[in-house]
């Protein structure tokens, strides 16, 4: 699945910090 980082965070809000860290 492809989406923007903003959409990814909205789908998995509990993982926001880890998502931002993974994608710098």
PDBML (XML) file of the C-alpha atoms, coordinates in Angstrom:
<?xml version="1.0" encoding="UTF-8" ?>
<PDBx:datablock datablockName="MODEL"
   xmlns:PDBx="http://pdbml.pdb.org/schema/pdbx-v50.xsd"
   xmlns:xsi="http://www.w3.org/2001/XMLSchema-instance"
   xsi:schemaLocation="http://pdbml.pdb.org/schema/pdbx-v50.xsd pdbx-v50.xsd">
   <PDBx:atom_siteCategory>
      <PDBx:atom_site id="1">
         <PDBx:B_iso_or_equiv>0.00</PDBx:B_iso_or_equiv>
         <PDBx:Cartn_x>0.000</PDBx:Cartn_x>
         <PDBx:Cartn_y>0.000</PDBx:Cartn_y>
         <PDBx:Cartn_z>0.000</PDBx:Cartn_z>
         <PDBx:auth_asym_id>A</PDBx:auth_asym_id>
         <PDBx:auth_atom_id>CA</PDBx:auth_atom_id>
         <PDBx:auth_comp_id>UNK</PDBx:auth_comp_id>
         <PDBx:auth_seq_id>1</PDBx:auth_seq_id>
         <PDBx:group_PDB>ATOM</PDBx:group_PDB>
         <PDBx:label_alt_id xsi:nil="true" />
         <PDBx:label_asym_id>A</PDBx:label_asym_id>
         <PDBx:label_atom_id>CA</PDBx:label_atom_id>
         <PDBx:label_comp_id>UNK</PDBx:label_comp_id>
         <PDBx:label_entity_id>1</PDBx:label_entity_id>
         <PDBx:label_seq_id>1</PDBx:label_seq_id>
         <PDBx:occupancy>1.00</PDBx:occupancy>
         <PDBx:pdbx_PDB_model_num>1</PDBx:pdbx_PDB_model_num>
         <PDBx:type_symbol>C</PDBx:type_symbol>
      </PDBx:atom_site>
      <PDBx:atom_site id="2">
         <PDBx:B_iso_or_equiv>0.00</PDBx:B_iso_or_equiv>
         <PDBx:Cartn_x>1.231</PDBx:Cartn_x>
         <PDBx:Cartn_y>3.503</PDBx:Cartn_y>
         <PDBx:Cartn_z>-0.847</PDBx:Cartn_z>
         <PDBx:auth_asym_id>A</PDBx:auth_asym_id>
         <PDBx:auth_atom_id>CA</PDBx:auth_atom_id>
         <PDBx:auth_comp_id>UNK</PDBx:auth_comp_id>
         <PDBx:auth_seq_id>2</PDBx:auth_seq_id>
         <PDBx:group_PDB>ATOM</PDBx:group_PDB>
         <PDBx:label_alt_id xsi:nil="true" />
         <PDBx:label_asym_id>A</PDBx:label_asym_id>
         <PDBx:label_atom_id>CA</PDBx:label_atom_id>
         <PDBx:label_comp_id>UNK</PDBx:label_comp_id>
         <PDBx:label_entity_id>1</PDBx:label_entity_id>
         <PDBx:label_seq_id>2</PDBx:label_seq_id>
         <PDBx:occupancy>1.00</PDBx:occupancy>
         <PDBx:pdbx_PDB_model_num>1</PDBx:pdbx_PDB_model_num>
         <PDBx:type_symbol>C</PDBx:type_symbol>
      </PDBx:atom_site>
      <PDBx:atom_site id="3">
         <PDBx:B_iso_or_equiv>0.00</PDBx:B_iso_or_equiv>
         <PDBx:Cartn_x>0.253</PDBx:Cartn_x>
         <PDBx:Cartn_y>6.638</PDBx:Cartn_y>
         <PDBx:Cartn_z>1.006</PDBx:Cartn_z>
         <PDBx:auth_asym_id>A</PDBx:auth_asym_id>
         <PDBx:auth_atom_id>CA</PDBx:auth_atom_id>
         <PDBx:auth_comp_id>UNK</PDBx:auth_comp_id>
         <PDBx:auth_seq_id>3</PDBx:auth_seq_id>
         <PDBx:group_PDB>ATOM</PDBx:group_PDB>
         <PDBx:label_alt_id xsi:nil="true" />
         <PDBx:label_asym_id>A</PDBx:label_asym_id>
         <PDBx:label_atom_id>CA</PDBx:label_atom_id>
         <PDBx:label_comp_id>UNK</PDBx:label_comp_id>
         <PDBx:label_entity_id>1</PDBx:label_entity_id>
         <PDBx:label_seq_id>3</PDBx:label_seq_id>
         <PDBx:occupancy>1.00</PDBx:occupancy>
         <PDBx:pdbx_PDB_model_num>1</PDBx:pdbx_PDB_model_num>
         <PDBx:type_symbol>C</PDBx:type_symbol>
      </PDBx:atom_site>
      <PDBx:atom_site id="4">
         <PDBx:B_iso_or_equiv>0.00</PDBx:B_iso_or_equiv>
         <PDBx:Cartn_x>1.747</PDBx:Cartn_x>
         <PDBx:Cartn_y>9.858</PDBx:Cartn_y>
         <PDBx:Cartn_z>2.318</PDBx:Cartn_z>
         <PDBx:auth_asym_id>A</PDBx:auth_asym_id>
         <PDBx:auth_atom_id>CA</PDBx:auth_atom_id>
         <PDBx:auth_comp_id>UNK</PDBx:auth_comp_id>
         <PDBx:auth_seq_id>4</PDBx:auth_seq_id>
         <PDBx:group_PDB>ATOM</PDBx:group_PDB>
         <PDBx:label_alt_id xsi:nil="true" />
         <PDBx:label_asym_id>A</PDBx:label_asym_id>
         <PDBx:label_atom_id>CA</PDBx:label_atom_id>
         <PDBx:label_comp_id>UNK</PDBx:label_comp_id>
         <PDBx:label_entity_id>1</PDBx:label_entity_id>
         <PDBx:label_seq_id>4</PDBx:label_seq_id>
         <PDBx:occupancy>1.00</PDBx:occupancy>
         <PDBx:pdbx_PDB_model_num>1</PDBx:pdbx_PDB_model_num>
         <PDBx:type_symbol>C</PDBx:type_symbol>
      </PDBx:atom_site>
      <PDBx:atom_site id="5">
         <PDBx:B_iso_or_equiv>0.00</PDBx:B_iso_or_equiv>
         <PDBx:Cartn_x>3.510</PDBx:Cartn_x>
         <PDBx:Cartn_y>9.944</PDBx:Cartn_y>
         <PDBx:Cartn_z>5.674</PDBx:Cartn_z>
         <PDBx:auth_asym_id>A</PDBx:auth_asym_id>
         <PDBx:auth_atom_id>CA</PDBx:auth_atom_id>
         <PDBx:auth_comp_id>UNK</PDBx:auth_comp_id>
         <PDBx:auth_seq_id>5</PDBx:auth_seq_id>
         <PDBx:group_PDB>ATOM</PDBx:group_PDB>
         <PDBx:label_alt_id xsi:nil="true" />
         <PDBx:label_asym_id>A</PDBx:label_asym_id>
         <PDBx:label_atom_id>CA</PDBx:label_atom_id>
         <PDBx:label_comp_id>UNK</PDBx:label_comp_id>
         <PDBx:label_entity_id>1</PDBx:label_entity_id>
         <PDBx:label_seq_id>5</PDBx:label_seq_id>
         <PDBx:occupancy>1.00</PDBx:occupancy>
         <PDBx:pdbx_PDB_model_num>1</PDBx:pdbx_PDB_model_num>
         <PDBx:type_symbol>C</PDBx:type_symbol>
      </PDBx:atom_site>
      <PDBx:atom_site id="6">
         <PDBx:B_iso_or_equiv>0.00</PDBx:B_iso_or_equiv>
         <PDBx:Cartn_x>0.705</PDBx:Cartn_x>
         <PDBx:Cartn_y>12.162</PDBx:Cartn_y>
         <PDBx:Cartn_z>6.969</PDBx:Cartn_z>
         <PDBx:auth_asym_id>A</PDBx:auth_asym_id>
         <PDBx:auth_atom_id>CA</PDBx:auth_atom_id>
         <PDBx:auth_comp_id>UNK</PDBx:auth_comp_id>
         <PDBx:auth_seq_id>6</PDBx:auth_seq_id>
         <PDBx:group_PDB>ATOM</PDBx:group_PDB>
         <PDBx:label_alt_id xsi:nil="true" />
         <PDBx:label_asym_id>A</PDBx:label_asym_id>
         <PDBx:label_atom_id>CA</PDBx:label_atom_id>
         <PDBx:label_comp_id>UNK</PDBx:label_comp_id>
         <PDBx:label_entity_id>1</PDBx:label_entity_id>
         <PDBx:label_seq_id>6</PDBx:label_seq_id>
         <PDBx:occupancy>1.00</PDBx:occupancy>
         <PDBx:pdbx_PDB_model_num>1</PDBx:pdbx_PDB_model_num>
         <PDBx:type_symbol>C</PDBx:type_symbol>
      </PDBx:atom_site>
      <PDBx:atom_site id="7">
         <PDBx:B_iso_or_equiv>0.00</PDBx:B_iso_or_equiv>
         <PDBx:Cartn_x>-1.888</PDBx:Cartn_x>
         <PDBx:Cartn_y>9.535</PDBx:Cartn_y>
         <PDBx:Cartn_z>6.004</PDBx:Cartn_z>
         <PDBx:auth_asym_id>A</PDBx:auth_asym_id>
         <PDBx:auth_atom_id>CA</PDBx:auth_atom_id>
         <PDBx:auth_comp_id>UNK</PDBx:auth_comp_id>
         <PDBx:auth_seq_id>7</PDBx:auth_seq_id>
         <PDBx:group_PDB>ATOM</PDBx:group_PDB>
         <PDBx:label_alt_id xsi:nil="true" />
         <PDBx:label_asym_id>A</PDBx:label_asym_id>
         <PDBx:label_atom_id>CA</PDBx:label_atom_id>
         <PDBx:label_comp_id>UNK</PDBx:label_comp_id>
         <PDBx:label_entity_id>1</PDBx:label_entity_id>
         <PDBx:label_seq_id>7</PDBx:label_seq_id>
         <PDBx:occupancy>1.00</PDBx:occupancy>
         <PDBx:pdbx_PDB_model_num>1</PDBx:pdbx_PDB_model_num>
         <PDBx:type_symbol>C</PDBx:type_symbol>
      </PDBx:atom_site>
      <PDBx:atom_site id="8">
         <PDBx:B_iso_or_equiv>0.00</PDBx:B_iso_or_equiv>
         <PDBx:Cartn_x>0.245</PDBx:Cartn_x>
         <PDBx:Cartn_y>6.777</PDBx:Cartn_y>
         <PDBx:Cartn_z>7.518</PDBx:Cartn_z>
         <PDBx:auth_asym_id>A</PDBx:auth_asym_id>
         <PDBx:auth_atom_id>CA</PDBx:auth_atom_id>
         <PDBx:auth_comp_id>UNK</PDBx:auth_comp_id>
         <PDBx:auth_seq_id>8</PDBx:auth_seq_id>
         <PDBx:group_PDB>ATOM</PDBx:group_PDB>
         <PDBx:label_alt_id xsi:nil="true" />
         <PDBx:label_asym_id>A</PDBx:label_asym_id>
         <PDBx:label_atom_id>CA</PDBx:label_atom_id>
         <PDBx:label_comp_id>UNK</PDBx:label_comp_id>
         <PDBx:label_entity_id>1</PDBx:label_entity_id>
         <PDBx:label_seq_id>8</PDBx:label_seq_id>
         <PDBx:occupancy>1.00</PDBx:occupancy>
         <PDBx:pdbx_PDB_model_num>1</PDBx:pdbx_PDB_model_num>
         <PDBx:type_symbol>C</PDBx:type_symbol>
      </PDBx:atom_site>
      <PDBx:atom_site id="9">
         <PDBx:B_iso_or_equiv>0.00</PDBx:B_iso_or_equiv>
         <PDBx:Cartn_x>0.350</PDBx:Cartn_x>
         <PDBx:Cartn_y>8.585</PDBx:Cartn_y>
         <PDBx:Cartn_z>10.839</PDBx:Cartn_z>
         <PDBx:auth_asym_id>A</PDBx:auth_asym_id>
         <PDBx:auth_atom_id>CA</PDBx:auth_atom_id>
         <PDBx:auth_comp_id>UNK</PDBx:auth_comp_id>
         <PDBx:auth_seq_id>9</PDBx:auth_seq_id>
         <PDBx:group_PDB>ATOM</PDBx:group_PDB>
         <PDBx:label_alt_id xsi:nil="true" />
         <PDBx:label_asym_id>A</PDBx:label_asym_id>
         <PDBx:label_atom_id>CA</PDBx:label_atom_id>
         <PDBx:label_comp_id>UNK</PDBx:label_comp_id>
         <PDBx:label_entity_id>1</PDBx:label_entity_id>
         <PDBx:label_seq_id>9</PDBx:label_seq_id>
         <PDBx:occupancy>1.00</PDBx:occupancy>
         <PDBx:pdbx_PDB_model_num>1</PDBx:pdbx_PDB_model_num>
         <PDBx:type_symbol>C</PDBx:type_symbol>
      </PDBx:atom_site>
      <PDBx:atom_site id="10">
         <PDBx:B_iso_or_equiv>0.00</PDBx:B_iso_or_equiv>
         <PDBx:Cartn_x>-3.411</PDBx:Cartn_x>
         <PDBx:Cartn_y>9.203</PDBx:Cartn_y>
         <PDBx:Cartn_z>10.746</PDBx:Cartn_z>
         <PDBx:auth_asym_id>A</PDBx:auth_asym_id>
         <PDBx:auth_atom_id>CA</PDBx:auth_atom_id>
         <PDBx:auth_comp_id>UNK</PDBx:auth_comp_id>
         <PDBx:auth_seq_id>10</PDBx:auth_seq_id>
         <PDBx:group_PDB>ATOM</PDBx:group_PDB>
         <PDBx:label_alt_id xsi:nil="true" />
         <PDBx:label_asym_id>A</PDBx:label_asym_id>
         <PDBx:label_atom_id>CA</PDBx:label_atom_id>
         <PDBx:label_comp_id>UNK</PDBx:label_comp_id>
         <PDBx:label_entity_id>1</PDBx:label_entity_id>
         <PDBx:label_seq_id>10</PDBx:label_seq_id>
         <PDBx:occupancy>1.00</PDBx:occupancy>
         <PDBx:pdbx_PDB_model_num>1</PDBx:pdbx_PDB_model_num>
         <PDBx:type_symbol>C</PDBx:type_symbol>
      </PDBx:atom_site>
      <PDBx:atom_site id="11">
         <PDBx:B_iso_or_equiv>0.00</PDBx:B_iso_or_equiv>
         <PDBx:Cartn_x>-3.990</PDBx:Cartn_x>
         <PDBx:Cartn_y>5.468</PDBx:Cartn_y>
         <PDBx:Cartn_z>10.229</PDBx:Cartn_z>
         <PDBx:auth_asym_id>A</PDBx:auth_asym_id>
         <PDBx:auth_atom_id>CA</PDBx:auth_atom_id>
         <PDBx:auth_comp_id>UNK</PDBx:auth_comp_id>
         <PDBx:auth_seq_id>11</PDBx:auth_seq_id>
         <PDBx:group_PDB>ATOM</PDBx:group_PDB>
         <PDBx:label_alt_id xsi:nil="true" />
         <PDBx:label_asym_id>A</PDBx:label_asym_id>
         <PDBx:label_atom_id>CA</PDBx:label_atom_id>
         <PDBx:label_comp_id>UNK</PDBx:label_comp_id>
         <PDBx:label_entity_id>1</PDBx:label_entity_id>
         <PDBx:label_seq_id>11</PDBx:label_seq_id>
         <PDBx:occupancy>1.00</PDBx:occupancy>
         <PDBx:pdbx_PDB_model_num>1</PDBx:pdbx_PDB_model_num>
         <PDBx:type_symbol>C</PDBx:type_symbol>
      </PDBx:atom_site>
      <PDBx:atom_site id="12">
         <PDBx:B_iso_or_equiv>0.00</PDBx:B_iso_or_equiv>
         <PDBx:Cartn_x>-1.597</PDBx:Cartn_x>
         <PDBx:Cartn_y>4.457</PDBx:Cartn_y>
         <PDBx:Cartn_z>13.007</PDBx:Cartn_z>
         <PDBx:auth_asym_id>A</PDBx:auth_asym_id>
         <PDBx:auth_atom_id>CA</PDBx:auth_atom_id>
         <PDBx:auth_comp_id>UNK</PDBx:auth_comp_id>
         <PDBx:auth_seq_id>12</PDBx:auth_seq_id>
         <PDBx:group_PDB>ATOM</PDBx:group_PDB>
         <PDBx:label_alt_id xsi:nil="true" />
         <PDBx:label_asym_id>A</PDBx:label_asym_id>
         <PDBx:label_atom_id>CA</PDBx:label_atom_id>
         <PDBx:label_comp_id>UNK</PDBx:label_comp_id>
         <PDBx:label_entity_id>1</PDBx:label_entity_id>
         <PDBx:label_seq_id>12</PDBx:label_seq_id>
         <PDBx:occupancy>1.00</PDBx:occupancy>
         <PDBx:pdbx_PDB_model_num>1</PDBx:pdbx_PDB_model_num>
         <PDBx:type_symbol>C</PDBx:type_symbol>
      </PDBx:atom_site>
      <PDBx:atom_site id="13">
         <PDBx:B_iso_or_equiv>0.00</PDBx:B_iso_or_equiv>
         <PDBx:Cartn_x>-1.526</PDBx:Cartn_x>
         <PDBx:Cartn_y>7.398</PDBx:Cartn_y>
         <PDBx:Cartn_z>15.465</PDBx:Cartn_z>
         <PDBx:auth_asym_id>A</PDBx:auth_asym_id>
         <PDBx:auth_atom_id>CA</PDBx:auth_atom_id>
         <PDBx:auth_comp_id>UNK</PDBx:auth_comp_id>
         <PDBx:auth_seq_id>13</PDBx:auth_seq_id>
         <PDBx:group_PDB>ATOM</PDBx:group_PDB>
         <PDBx:label_alt_id xsi:nil="true" />
         <PDBx:label_asym_id>A</PDBx:label_asym_id>
         <PDBx:label_atom_id>CA</PDBx:label_atom_id>
         <PDBx:label_comp_id>UNK</PDBx:label_comp_id>
         <PDBx:label_entity_id>1</PDBx:label_entity_id>
         <PDBx:label_seq_id>13</PDBx:label_seq_id>
         <PDBx:occupancy>1.00</PDBx:occupancy>
         <PDBx:pdbx_PDB_model_num>1</PDBx:pdbx_PDB_model_num>
         <PDBx:type_symbol>C</PDBx:type_symbol>
      </PDBx:atom_site>
      <PDBx:atom_site id="14">
         <PDBx:B_iso_or_equiv>0.00</PDBx:B_iso_or_equiv>
         <PDBx:Cartn_x>0.009</PDBx:Cartn_x>
         <PDBx:Cartn_y>5.317</PDBx:Cartn_y>
         <PDBx:Cartn_z>18.269</PDBx:Cartn_z>
         <PDBx:auth_asym_id>A</PDBx:auth_asym_id>
         <PDBx:auth_atom_id>CA</PDBx:auth_atom_id>
         <PDBx:auth_comp_id>UNK</PDBx:auth_comp_id>
         <PDBx:auth_seq_id>14</PDBx:auth_seq_id>
         <PDBx:group_PDB>ATOM</PDBx:group_PDB>
         <PDBx:label_alt_id xsi:nil="true" />
         <PDBx:label_asym_id>A</PDBx:label_asym_id>
         <PDBx:label_atom_id>CA</PDBx:label_atom_id>
         <PDBx:label_comp_id>UNK</PDBx:label_comp_id>
         <PDBx:label_entity_id>1</PDBx:label_entity_id>
         <PDBx:label_seq_id>14</PDBx:label_seq_id>
         <PDBx:occupancy>1.00</PDBx:occupancy>
         <PDBx:pdbx_PDB_model_num>1</PDBx:pdbx_PDB_model_num>
         <PDBx:type_symbol>C</PDBx:type_symbol>
      </PDBx:atom_site>
      <PDBx:atom_site id="15">
         <PDBx:B_iso_or_equiv>0.00</PDBx:B_iso_or_equiv>
         <PDBx:Cartn_x>3.116</PDBx:Cartn_x>
         <PDBx:Cartn_y>4.831</PDBx:Cartn_y>
         <PDBx:Cartn_z>16.132</PDBx:Cartn_z>
         <PDBx:auth_asym_id>A</PDBx:auth_asym_id>
         <PDBx:auth_atom_id>CA</PDBx:auth_atom_id>
         <PDBx:auth_comp_id>UNK</PDBx:auth_comp_id>
         <PDBx:auth_seq_id>15</PDBx:auth_seq_id>
         <PDBx:group_PDB>ATOM</PDBx:group_PDB>
         <PDBx:label_alt_id xsi:nil="true" />
         <PDBx:label_asym_id>A</PDBx:label_asym_id>
         <PDBx:label_atom_id>CA</PDBx:label_atom_id>
         <PDBx:label_comp_id>UNK</PDBx:label_comp_id>
         <PDBx:label_entity_id>1</PDBx:label_entity_id>
         <PDBx:label_seq_id>15</PDBx:label_seq_id>
         <PDBx:occupancy>1.00</PDBx:occupancy>
         <PDBx:pdbx_PDB_model_num>1</PDBx:pdbx_PDB_model_num>
         <PDBx:type_symbol>C</PDBx:type_symbol>
      </PDBx:atom_site>
      <PDBx:atom_site id="16">
         <PDBx:B_iso_or_equiv>0.00</PDBx:B_iso_or_equiv>
         <PDBx:Cartn_x>3.596</PDBx:Cartn_x>
         <PDBx:Cartn_y>8.492</PDBx:Cartn_y>
         <PDBx:Cartn_z>15.198</PDBx:Cartn_z>
         <PDBx:auth_asym_id>A</PDBx:auth_asym_id>
         <PDBx:auth_atom_id>CA</PDBx:auth_atom_id>
         <PDBx:auth_comp_id>UNK</PDBx:auth_comp_id>
         <PDBx:auth_seq_id>16</PDBx:auth_seq_id>
         <PDBx:group_PDB>ATOM</PDBx:group_PDB>
         <PDBx:label_alt_id xsi:nil="true" />
         <PDBx:label_asym_id>A</PDBx:label_asym_id>
         <PDBx:label_atom_id>CA</PDBx:label_atom_id>
         <PDBx:label_comp_id>UNK</PDBx:label_comp_id>
         <PDBx:label_entity_id>1</PDBx:label_entity_id>
         <PDBx:label_seq_id>16</PDBx:label_seq_id>
         <PDBx:occupancy>1.00</PDBx:occupancy>
         <PDBx:pdbx_PDB_model_num>1</PDBx:pdbx_PDB_model_num>
         <PDBx:type_symbol>C</PDBx:type_symbol>
      </PDBx:atom_site>
      <PDBx:atom_site id="17">
         <PDBx:B_iso_or_equiv>0.00</PDBx:B_iso_or_equiv>
         <PDBx:Cartn_x>6.934</PDBx:Cartn_x>
         <PDBx:Cartn_y>8.865</PDBx:Cartn_y>
         <PDBx:Cartn_z>16.967</PDBx:Cartn_z>
         <PDBx:auth_asym_id>A</PDBx:auth_asym_id>
         <PDBx:auth_atom_id>CA</PDBx:auth_atom_id>
         <PDBx:auth_comp_id>UNK</PDBx:auth_comp_id>
         <PDBx:auth_seq_id>17</PDBx:auth_seq_id>
         <PDBx:group_PDB>ATOM</PDBx:group_PDB>
         <PDBx:label_alt_id xsi:nil="true" />
         <PDBx:label_asym_id>A</PDBx:label_asym_id>
         <PDBx:label_atom_id>CA</PDBx:label_atom_id>
         <PDBx:label_comp_id>UNK</PDBx:label_comp_id>
         <PDBx:label_entity_id>1</PDBx:label_entity_id>
         <PDBx:label_seq_id>17</PDBx:label_seq_id>
         <PDBx:occupancy>1.00</PDBx:occupancy>
         <PDBx:pdbx_PDB_model_num>1</PDBx:pdbx_PDB_model_num>
         <PDBx:type_symbol>C</PDBx:type_symbol>
      </PDBx:atom_site>
      <PDBx:atom_site id="18">
         <PDBx:B_iso_or_equiv>0.00</PDBx:B_iso_or_equiv>
         <PDBx:Cartn_x>8.361</PDBx:Cartn_x>
         <PDBx:Cartn_y>5.663</PDBx:Cartn_y>
         <PDBx:Cartn_z>15.490</PDBx:Cartn_z>
         <PDBx:auth_asym_id>A</PDBx:auth_asym_id>
         <PDBx:auth_atom_id>CA</PDBx:auth_atom_id>
         <PDBx:auth_comp_id>UNK</PDBx:auth_comp_id>
         <PDBx:auth_seq_id>18</PDBx:auth_seq_id>
         <PDBx:group_PDB>ATOM</PDBx:group_PDB>
         <PDBx:label_alt_id xsi:nil="true" />
         <PDBx:label_asym_id>A</PDBx:label_asym_id>
         <PDBx:label_atom_id>CA</PDBx:label_atom_id>
         <PDBx:label_comp_id>UNK</PDBx:label_comp_id>
         <PDBx:label_entity_id>1</PDBx:label_entity_id>
         <PDBx:label_seq_id>18</PDBx:label_seq_id>
         <PDBx:occupancy>1.00</PDBx:occupancy>
         <PDBx:pdbx_PDB_model_num>1</PDBx:pdbx_PDB_model_num>
         <PDBx:type_symbol>C</PDBx:type_symbol>
      </PDBx:atom_site>
      <PDBx:atom_site id="19">
         <PDBx:B_iso_or_equiv>0.00</PDBx:B_iso_or_equiv>
         <PDBx:Cartn_x>7.126</PDBx:Cartn_x>
         <PDBx:Cartn_y>6.552</PDBx:Cartn_y>
         <PDBx:Cartn_z>11.991</PDBx:Cartn_z>
         <PDBx:auth_asym_id>A</PDBx:auth_asym_id>
         <PDBx:auth_atom_id>CA</PDBx:auth_atom_id>
         <PDBx:auth_comp_id>UNK</PDBx:auth_comp_id>
         <PDBx:auth_seq_id>19</PDBx:auth_seq_id>
         <PDBx:group_PDB>ATOM</PDBx:group_PDB>
         <PDBx:label_alt_id xsi:nil="true" />
         <PDBx:label_asym_id>A</PDBx:label_asym_id>
         <PDBx:label_atom_id>CA</PDBx:label_atom_id>
         <PDBx:label_comp_id>UNK</PDBx:label_comp_id>
         <PDBx:label_entity_id>1</PDBx:label_entity_id>
         <PDBx:label_seq_id>19</PDBx:label_seq_id>
         <PDBx:occupancy>1.00</PDBx:occupancy>
         <PDBx:pdbx_PDB_model_num>1</PDBx:pdbx_PDB_model_num>
         <PDBx:type_symbol>C</PDBx:type_symbol>
      </PDBx:atom_site>
      <PDBx:atom_site id="20">
         <PDBx:B_iso_or_equiv>0.00</PDBx:B_iso_or_equiv>
         <PDBx:Cartn_x>8.763</PDBx:Cartn_x>
         <PDBx:Cartn_y>9.966</PDBx:Cartn_y>
         <PDBx:Cartn_z>12.133</PDBx:Cartn_z>
         <PDBx:auth_asym_id>A</PDBx:auth_asym_id>
         <PDBx:auth_atom_id>CA</PDBx:auth_atom_id>
         <PDBx:auth_comp_id>UNK</PDBx:auth_comp_id>
         <PDBx:auth_seq_id>20</PDBx:auth_seq_id>
         <PDBx:group_PDB>ATOM</PDBx:group_PDB>
         <PDBx:label_alt_id xsi:nil="true" />
         <PDBx:label_asym_id>A</PDBx:label_asym_id>
         <PDBx:label_atom_id>CA</PDBx:label_atom_id>
         <PDBx:label_comp_id>UNK</PDBx:label_comp_id>
         <PDBx:label_entity_id>1</PDBx:label_entity_id>
         <PDBx:label_seq_id>20</PDBx:label_seq_id>
         <PDBx:occupancy>1.00</PDBx:occupancy>
         <PDBx:pdbx_PDB_model_num>1</PDBx:pdbx_PDB_model_num>
         <PDBx:type_symbol>C</PDBx:type_symbol>
      </PDBx:atom_site>
      <PDBx:atom_site id="21">
         <PDBx:B_iso_or_equiv>0.00</PDBx:B_iso_or_equiv>
         <PDBx:Cartn_x>11.965</PDBx:Cartn_x>
         <PDBx:Cartn_y>8.463</PDBx:Cartn_y>
         <PDBx:Cartn_z>13.440</PDBx:Cartn_z>
         <PDBx:auth_asym_id>A</PDBx:auth_asym_id>
         <PDBx:auth_atom_id>CA</PDBx:auth_atom_id>
         <PDBx:auth_comp_id>UNK</PDBx:auth_comp_id>
         <PDBx:auth_seq_id>21</PDBx:auth_seq_id>
         <PDBx:group_PDB>ATOM</PDBx:group_PDB>
         <PDBx:label_alt_id xsi:nil="true" />
         <PDBx:label_asym_id>A</PDBx:label_asym_id>
         <PDBx:label_atom_id>CA</PDBx:label_atom_id>
         <PDBx:label_comp_id>UNK</PDBx:label_comp_id>
         <PDBx:label_entity_id>1</PDBx:label_entity_id>
         <PDBx:label_seq_id>21</PDBx:label_seq_id>
         <PDBx:occupancy>1.00</PDBx:occupancy>
         <PDBx:pdbx_PDB_model_num>1</PDBx:pdbx_PDB_model_num>
         <PDBx:type_symbol>C</PDBx:type_symbol>
      </PDBx:atom_site>
      <PDBx:atom_site id="22">
         <PDBx:B_iso_or_equiv>0.00</PDBx:B_iso_or_equiv>
         <PDBx:Cartn_x>12.003</PDBx:Cartn_x>
         <PDBx:Cartn_y>5.784</PDBx:Cartn_y>
         <PDBx:Cartn_z>10.701</PDBx:Cartn_z>
         <PDBx:auth_asym_id>A</PDBx:auth_asym_id>
         <PDBx:auth_atom_id>CA</PDBx:auth_atom_id>
         <PDBx:auth_comp_id>UNK</PDBx:auth_comp_id>
         <PDBx:auth_seq_id>22</PDBx:auth_seq_id>
         <PDBx:group_PDB>ATOM</PDBx:group_PDB>
         <PDBx:label_alt_id xsi:nil="true" />
         <PDBx:label_asym_id>A</PDBx:label_asym_id>
         <PDBx:label_atom_id>CA</PDBx:label_atom_id>
         <PDBx:label_comp_id>UNK</PDBx:label_comp_id>
         <PDBx:label_entity_id>1</PDBx:label_entity_id>
         <PDBx:label_seq_id>22</PDBx:label_seq_id>
         <PDBx:occupancy>1.00</PDBx:occupancy>
         <PDBx:pdbx_PDB_model_num>1</PDBx:pdbx_PDB_model_num>
         <PDBx:type_symbol>C</PDBx:type_symbol>
      </PDBx:atom_site>
      <PDBx:atom_site id="23">
         <PDBx:B_iso_or_equiv>0.00</PDBx:B_iso_or_equiv>
         <PDBx:Cartn_x>11.597</PDBx:Cartn_x>
         <PDBx:Cartn_y>8.351</PDBx:Cartn_y>
         <PDBx:Cartn_z>7.939</PDBx:Cartn_z>
         <PDBx:auth_asym_id>A</PDBx:auth_asym_id>
         <PDBx:auth_atom_id>CA</PDBx:auth_atom_id>
         <PDBx:auth_comp_id>UNK</PDBx:auth_comp_id>
         <PDBx:auth_seq_id>23</PDBx:auth_seq_id>
         <PDBx:group_PDB>ATOM</PDBx:group_PDB>
         <PDBx:label_alt_id xsi:nil="true" />
         <PDBx:label_asym_id>A</PDBx:label_asym_id>
         <PDBx:label_atom_id>CA</PDBx:label_atom_id>
         <PDBx:label_comp_id>UNK</PDBx:label_comp_id>
         <PDBx:label_entity_id>1</PDBx:label_entity_id>
         <PDBx:label_seq_id>23</PDBx:label_seq_id>
         <PDBx:occupancy>1.00</PDBx:occupancy>
         <PDBx:pdbx_PDB_model_num>1</PDBx:pdbx_PDB_model_num>
         <PDBx:type_symbol>C</PDBx:type_symbol>
      </PDBx:atom_site>
      <PDBx:atom_site id="24">
         <PDBx:B_iso_or_equiv>0.00</PDBx:B_iso_or_equiv>
         <PDBx:Cartn_x>13.899</PDBx:Cartn_x>
         <PDBx:Cartn_y>10.943</PDBx:Cartn_y>
         <PDBx:Cartn_z>9.563</PDBx:Cartn_z>
         <PDBx:auth_asym_id>A</PDBx:auth_asym_id>
         <PDBx:auth_atom_id>CA</PDBx:auth_atom_id>
         <PDBx:auth_comp_id>UNK</PDBx:auth_comp_id>
         <PDBx:auth_seq_id>24</PDBx:auth_seq_id>
         <PDBx:group_PDB>ATOM</PDBx:group_PDB>
         <PDBx:label_alt_id xsi:nil="true" />
         <PDBx:label_asym_id>A</PDBx:label_asym_id>
         <PDBx:label_atom_id>CA</PDBx:label_atom_id>
         <PDBx:label_comp_id>UNK</PDBx:label_comp_id>
         <PDBx:label_entity_id>1</PDBx:label_entity_id>
         <PDBx:label_seq_id>24</PDBx:label_seq_id>
         <PDBx:occupancy>1.00</PDBx:occupancy>
         <PDBx:pdbx_PDB_model_num>1</PDBx:pdbx_PDB_model_num>
         <PDBx:type_symbol>C</PDBx:type_symbol>
      </PDBx:atom_site>
   </PDBx:atom_siteCategory>
</PDBx:datablock>
